[in-house]
Amino acid sequence: MKRFLALGIFALTLATGVAEARGGGRAMYGPPPPPYERMMRAPSPRHVWVPGHYRWTGNRYRWVRGRWMKPPRGYMRYDPGYWAPAPRRGGYMYFEGRWR
């Protein structure tokens, strides 16, 4: 059981490293404060507002605007992504938003 758990943690760590290499999800400094975003009226009662976020482009932050989206199933809610200090090697890492 311990070996299975260790293998799972290793796979998750490896997958995170691949995502960082592709997406540029690690920055040397934190993002600026988010700009004011106006939410337009929802297209339908089922739509959920997904807030905007900053994406690191390799040398600067770029704002990705928020949008209305339909949940993939039922009445799921969206947990927005966030930037947090990286546990090792300094800098900041971006954790993608997800549906719950």
N, C-alpha and C. Protein backbone atom coordinates (compact mmCIF):
# COMPACT_ATOMS: atom_id res chain seq x y z
N MET A 1 0.83 -1.20 0.00
CA MET A 1 0.00 0.00 0.00
C MET A 1 0.87 1.25 0.00
N LYS A 2 1.94 1.25 0.82
CA LYS A 2 2.82 2.41 0.87
C LYS A 2 3.51 2.63 -0.47
N ARG A 3 3.88 1.52 -1.11
CA ARG A 3 4.56 1.61 -2.41
C ARG A 3 3.60 2.22 -3.44
N PHE A 4 2.34 1.81 -3.43
CA PHE A 4 1.33 2.34 -4.35
C PHE A 4 1.14 3.84 -4.12
N LEU A 5 1.06 4.26 -2.86
CA LEU A 5 0.91 5.67 -2.53
C LEU A 5 2.13 6.47 -2.99
N ALA A 6 3.31 5.95 -2.76
CA ALA A 6 4.54 6.63 -3.18
C ALA A 6 4.58 6.76 -4.70
N LEU A 7 4.16 5.72 -5.42
CA LEU A 7 4.14 5.77 -6.88
C LEU A 7 3.15 6.83 -7.36
N GLY A 8 1.98 6.93 -6.70
CA GLY A 8 1.00 7.95 -7.06
C GLY A 8 1.52 9.35 -6.85
N ILE A 9 2.20 9.58 -5.74
CA ILE A 9 2.77 10.90 -5.47
C ILE A 9 3.85 11.23 -6.49
N PHE A 10 4.68 10.25 -6.83
CA PHE A 10 5.72 10.46 -7.84
C PHE A 10 5.10 10.83 -9.18
N ALA A 11 4.03 10.12 -9.59
CA ALA A 11 3.38 10.40 -10.87
C ALA A 11 2.77 11.80 -10.88
N LEU A 12 2.17 12.19 -9.77
CA LEU A 12 1.59 13.54 -9.69
C LEU A 12 2.67 14.60 -9.77
N THR A 13 3.79 14.39 -9.10
CA THR A 13 4.91 15.33 -9.16
C THR A 13 5.44 15.44 -10.57
N LEU A 14 5.60 14.32 -11.24
CA LEU A 14 6.09 14.31 -12.61
C LEU A 14 5.13 15.04 -13.54
N ALA A 15 3.83 14.79 -13.39
CA ALA A 15 2.83 15.45 -14.22
C ALA A 15 2.84 16.96 -13.99
N THR A 16 3.01 17.39 -12.76
CA THR A 16 3.07 18.81 -12.46
C THR A 16 4.29 19.44 -13.12
N GLY A 17 5.41 18.75 -13.10
CA GLY A 17 6.61 19.26 -13.75
C GLY A 17 6.43 19.42 -15.24
N VAL A 18 5.75 18.47 -15.88
CA VAL A 18 5.50 18.56 -17.32
C VAL A 18 4.58 19.73 -17.61
N ALA A 19 3.54 19.92 -16.79
CA ALA A 19 2.61 21.03 -16.99
C ALA A 19 3.33 22.36 -16.83
N GLU A 20 4.25 22.47 -15.87
CA GLU A 20 4.99 23.71 -15.70
C GLU A 20 5.86 24.00 -16.91
N ALA A 21 6.51 22.96 -17.45
CA ALA A 21 7.38 23.16 -18.59
C ALA A 21 6.59 23.61 -19.81
N ARG A 22 5.36 23.11 -19.99
CA ARG A 22 4.54 23.50 -21.14
C ARG A 22 3.86 24.84 -20.94
N GLY A 23 3.20 25.03 -19.80
CA GLY A 23 2.34 26.18 -19.60
C GLY A 23 3.02 27.41 -19.03
N GLY A 24 4.25 27.30 -18.57
CA GLY A 24 4.89 28.45 -17.97
C GLY A 24 4.19 28.85 -16.70
N GLY A 25 3.77 27.89 -15.89
CA GLY A 25 3.02 28.17 -14.69
C GLY A 25 3.88 28.58 -13.51
N ARG A 26 5.16 28.87 -13.70
CA ARG A 26 6.04 29.30 -12.62
C ARG A 26 6.62 30.67 -12.99
N ALA A 27 6.52 31.61 -12.07
CA ALA A 27 7.02 32.96 -12.29
C ALA A 27 7.97 33.34 -11.16
N MET A 28 8.87 34.26 -11.42
CA MET A 28 9.85 34.67 -10.41
C MET A 28 9.24 35.63 -9.38
N TYR A 29 8.16 36.31 -9.72
CA TYR A 29 7.51 37.23 -8.79
C TYR A 29 6.00 37.11 -8.94
N GLY A 30 5.28 37.55 -7.94
CA GLY A 30 3.82 37.42 -7.91
C GLY A 30 3.13 38.33 -8.91
N PRO A 31 1.88 38.02 -9.25
CA PRO A 31 1.13 38.83 -10.21
C PRO A 31 0.68 40.15 -9.61
N PRO A 32 0.41 41.15 -10.47
CA PRO A 32 -0.14 42.41 -9.98
C PRO A 32 -1.59 42.22 -9.55
N PRO A 33 -2.18 43.21 -8.89
CA PRO A 33 -3.60 43.08 -8.50
C PRO A 33 -4.47 42.93 -9.75
N PRO A 34 -5.54 42.15 -9.66
CA PRO A 34 -6.40 41.97 -10.85
C PRO A 34 -7.12 43.26 -11.21
N PRO A 35 -7.31 43.51 -12.51
CA PRO A 35 -8.05 44.70 -12.92
C PRO A 35 -9.54 44.53 -12.63
N TYR A 36 -10.27 45.64 -12.63
CA TYR A 36 -11.72 45.58 -12.45
C TYR A 36 -12.33 44.91 -13.67
N GLU A 37 -13.21 43.95 -13.43
CA GLU A 37 -13.87 43.24 -14.52
C GLU A 37 -15.37 43.37 -14.39
N ARG A 38 -16.02 43.84 -15.44
CA ARG A 38 -17.48 43.93 -15.43
C ARG A 38 -18.08 42.63 -15.90
N MET A 39 -19.00 42.09 -15.10
CA MET A 39 -19.72 40.89 -15.51
C MET A 39 -20.97 41.33 -16.25
N MET A 40 -21.13 40.85 -17.45
CA MET A 40 -22.36 41.10 -18.19
C MET A 40 -23.42 40.15 -17.65
N ARG A 41 -24.63 40.29 -18.11
CA ARG A 41 -25.70 39.41 -17.67
C ARG A 41 -25.43 37.98 -18.14
N ALA A 42 -25.77 37.02 -17.30
CA ALA A 42 -25.55 35.61 -17.64
C ALA A 42 -26.42 35.21 -18.84
N PRO A 43 -25.87 34.42 -19.76
CA PRO A 43 -26.66 33.98 -20.91
C PRO A 43 -27.86 33.12 -20.52
N SER A 44 -27.75 32.39 -19.40
CA SER A 44 -28.87 31.58 -18.91
C SER A 44 -28.69 31.39 -17.41
N PRO A 45 -29.73 30.93 -16.71
CA PRO A 45 -29.60 30.71 -15.26
C PRO A 45 -28.59 29.61 -14.91
N ARG A 46 -28.29 28.73 -15.84
CA ARG A 46 -27.34 27.64 -15.57
C ARG A 46 -25.89 28.07 -15.67
N HIS A 47 -25.59 29.19 -16.31
CA HIS A 47 -24.21 29.63 -16.49
C HIS A 47 -23.59 30.09 -15.17
N VAL A 48 -22.29 29.83 -15.03
CA VAL A 48 -21.52 30.19 -13.84
C VAL A 48 -20.39 31.12 -14.28
N TRP A 49 -20.13 32.16 -13.49
CA TRP A 49 -19.05 33.09 -13.81
C TRP A 49 -17.70 32.49 -13.43
N VAL A 50 -16.79 32.42 -14.40
CA VAL A 50 -15.42 31.95 -14.18
C VAL A 50 -14.55 33.20 -14.22
N PRO A 51 -13.98 33.62 -13.08
CA PRO A 51 -13.24 34.89 -13.04
C PRO A 51 -11.94 34.82 -13.86
N GLY A 52 -11.48 35.99 -14.26
CA GLY A 52 -10.24 36.09 -15.01
C GLY A 52 -9.03 35.81 -14.12
N HIS A 53 -7.88 35.65 -14.74
CA HIS A 53 -6.65 35.38 -14.00
C HIS A 53 -5.45 35.82 -14.84
N TYR A 54 -4.32 35.94 -14.19
CA TYR A 54 -3.08 36.26 -14.89
C TYR A 54 -2.40 34.98 -15.34
N ARG A 55 -1.85 34.99 -16.55
CA ARG A 55 -1.07 33.88 -17.08
C ARG A 55 0.35 34.40 -17.30
N TRP A 56 1.33 33.62 -16.90
CA TRP A 56 2.74 33.98 -17.07
C TRP A 56 3.17 33.59 -18.47
N THR A 57 3.73 34.53 -19.24
CA THR A 57 4.12 34.26 -20.63
C THR A 57 5.61 33.96 -20.78
N GLY A 58 6.33 33.92 -19.69
CA GLY A 58 7.77 33.66 -19.76
C GLY A 58 8.58 34.88 -19.38
N ASN A 59 8.01 36.07 -19.62
CA ASN A 59 8.71 37.30 -19.23
C ASN A 59 7.78 38.34 -18.62
N ARG A 60 6.47 38.09 -18.66
CA ARG A 60 5.52 39.03 -18.04
C ARG A 60 4.18 38.33 -17.83
N TYR A 61 3.31 38.98 -17.06
CA TYR A 61 1.97 38.47 -16.83
C TYR A 61 1.04 39.02 -17.90
N ARG A 62 0.09 38.19 -18.32
CA ARG A 62 -0.93 38.61 -19.27
C ARG A 62 -2.30 38.26 -18.69
N TRP A 63 -3.24 39.20 -18.71
CA TRP A 63 -4.56 39.00 -18.14
C TRP A 63 -5.44 38.18 -19.08
N VAL A 64 -6.07 37.13 -18.55
CA VAL A 64 -7.04 36.32 -19.29
C VAL A 64 -8.40 36.70 -18.71
N ARG A 65 -9.29 37.24 -19.54
CA ARG A 65 -10.58 37.75 -19.07
C ARG A 65 -11.49 36.65 -18.56
N GLY A 66 -12.36 37.02 -17.62
CA GLY A 66 -13.35 36.09 -17.10
C GLY A 66 -14.43 35.84 -18.13
N ARG A 67 -15.24 34.80 -17.90
CA ARG A 67 -16.27 34.44 -18.87
C ARG A 67 -17.37 33.62 -18.19
N TRP A 68 -18.51 33.56 -18.84
CA TRP A 68 -19.62 32.72 -18.38
C TRP A 68 -19.46 31.34 -19.00
N MET A 69 -19.63 30.29 -18.19
CA MET A 69 -19.53 28.91 -18.69
C MET A 69 -20.64 28.06 -18.08
N LYS A 70 -21.06 27.04 -18.82
CA LYS A 70 -22.00 26.06 -18.28
C LYS A 70 -21.19 24.99 -17.56
N PRO A 71 -21.62 24.58 -16.37
CA PRO A 71 -20.91 23.49 -15.68
C PRO A 71 -20.94 22.21 -16.51
N PRO A 72 -19.89 21.39 -16.43
CA PRO A 72 -19.86 20.15 -17.19
C PRO A 72 -21.00 19.19 -16.83
N ARG A 73 -21.38 19.17 -15.53
CA ARG A 73 -22.46 18.29 -15.07
C ARG A 73 -23.26 19.00 -13.99
N GLY A 74 -24.56 18.84 -14.06
CA GLY A 74 -25.44 19.31 -12.99
C GLY A 74 -25.17 20.72 -12.52
N TYR A 75 -25.18 20.88 -11.20
CA TYR A 75 -24.97 22.19 -10.60
C TYR A 75 -23.62 22.24 -9.91
N MET A 76 -22.56 22.01 -10.66
CA MET A 76 -21.21 22.06 -10.11
C MET A 76 -20.84 23.53 -9.89
N ARG A 77 -19.87 23.74 -9.02
CA ARG A 77 -19.38 25.11 -8.82
C ARG A 77 -17.92 25.16 -9.25
N TYR A 78 -17.45 26.37 -9.55
CA TYR A 78 -16.10 26.55 -10.05
C TYR A 78 -15.22 27.12 -8.94
N ASP A 79 -14.09 26.45 -8.67
CA ASP A 79 -13.07 26.97 -7.77
C ASP A 79 -12.02 27.66 -8.63
N PRO A 80 -11.86 28.98 -8.52
CA PRO A 80 -10.94 29.68 -9.40
C PRO A 80 -9.48 29.31 -9.14
N GLY A 81 -8.67 29.47 -10.17
CA GLY A 81 -7.24 29.24 -10.05
C GLY A 81 -6.60 30.33 -9.21
N TYR A 82 -5.37 30.10 -8.77
CA TYR A 82 -4.69 31.09 -7.94
C TYR A 82 -3.18 30.94 -8.04
N TRP A 83 -2.48 32.02 -7.76
CA TRP A 83 -1.01 32.03 -7.68
C TRP A 83 -0.63 31.89 -6.22
N ALA A 84 0.38 31.07 -5.94
CA ALA A 84 0.87 30.87 -4.58
C ALA A 84 2.39 30.76 -4.61
N PRO A 85 3.04 31.14 -3.50
CA PRO A 85 4.50 30.99 -3.46
C PRO A 85 4.89 29.53 -3.67
N ALA A 86 5.90 29.30 -4.49
CA ALA A 86 6.38 27.95 -4.76
C ALA A 86 7.06 27.39 -3.53
N PRO A 87 6.83 26.12 -3.20
CA PRO A 87 7.42 25.54 -1.99
C PRO A 87 8.94 25.41 -2.08
N ARG A 88 9.45 25.20 -3.27
CA ARG A 88 10.91 25.09 -3.46
C ARG A 88 11.34 25.97 -4.62
N ARG A 89 12.57 26.32 -4.65
CA ARG A 89 13.18 27.09 -5.74
C ARG A 89 12.64 28.51 -5.85
N GLY A 90 11.87 28.98 -4.89
CA GLY A 90 11.38 30.36 -4.90
C GLY A 90 10.40 30.62 -6.04
N GLY A 91 9.97 31.85 -6.15
CA GLY A 91 9.04 32.22 -7.19
C GLY A 91 7.60 31.89 -6.83
N TYR A 92 6.73 31.89 -7.84
CA TYR A 92 5.31 31.63 -7.67
C TYR A 92 4.86 30.58 -8.67
N MET A 93 3.84 29.81 -8.28
CA MET A 93 3.26 28.79 -9.15
C MET A 93 1.78 29.06 -9.32
N TYR A 94 1.24 28.74 -10.50
CA TYR A 94 -0.18 28.90 -10.75
C TYR A 94 -0.87 27.55 -10.64
N PHE A 95 -1.98 27.52 -9.88
CA PHE A 95 -2.80 26.33 -9.73
C PHE A 95 -4.10 26.58 -10.48
N GLU A 96 -4.35 25.78 -11.52
CA GLU A 96 -5.51 25.96 -12.39
C GLU A 96 -6.82 25.85 -11.61
N GLY A 97 -7.83 26.58 -12.08
CA GLY A 97 -9.17 26.46 -11.51
C GLY A 97 -9.78 25.13 -11.92
N ARG A 98 -10.82 24.69 -11.17
CA ARG A 98 -11.45 23.42 -11.50
C ARG A 98 -12.90 23.42 -11.07
N TRP A 99 -13.65 22.51 -11.68
CA TRP A 99 -15.06 22.31 -11.34
C TRP A 99 -15.18 21.30 -10.22
N ARG A 100 -16.11 21.55 -9.28
CA ARG A 100 -16.39 20.61 -8.18
C ARG A 100 -17.85 20.29 -8.17
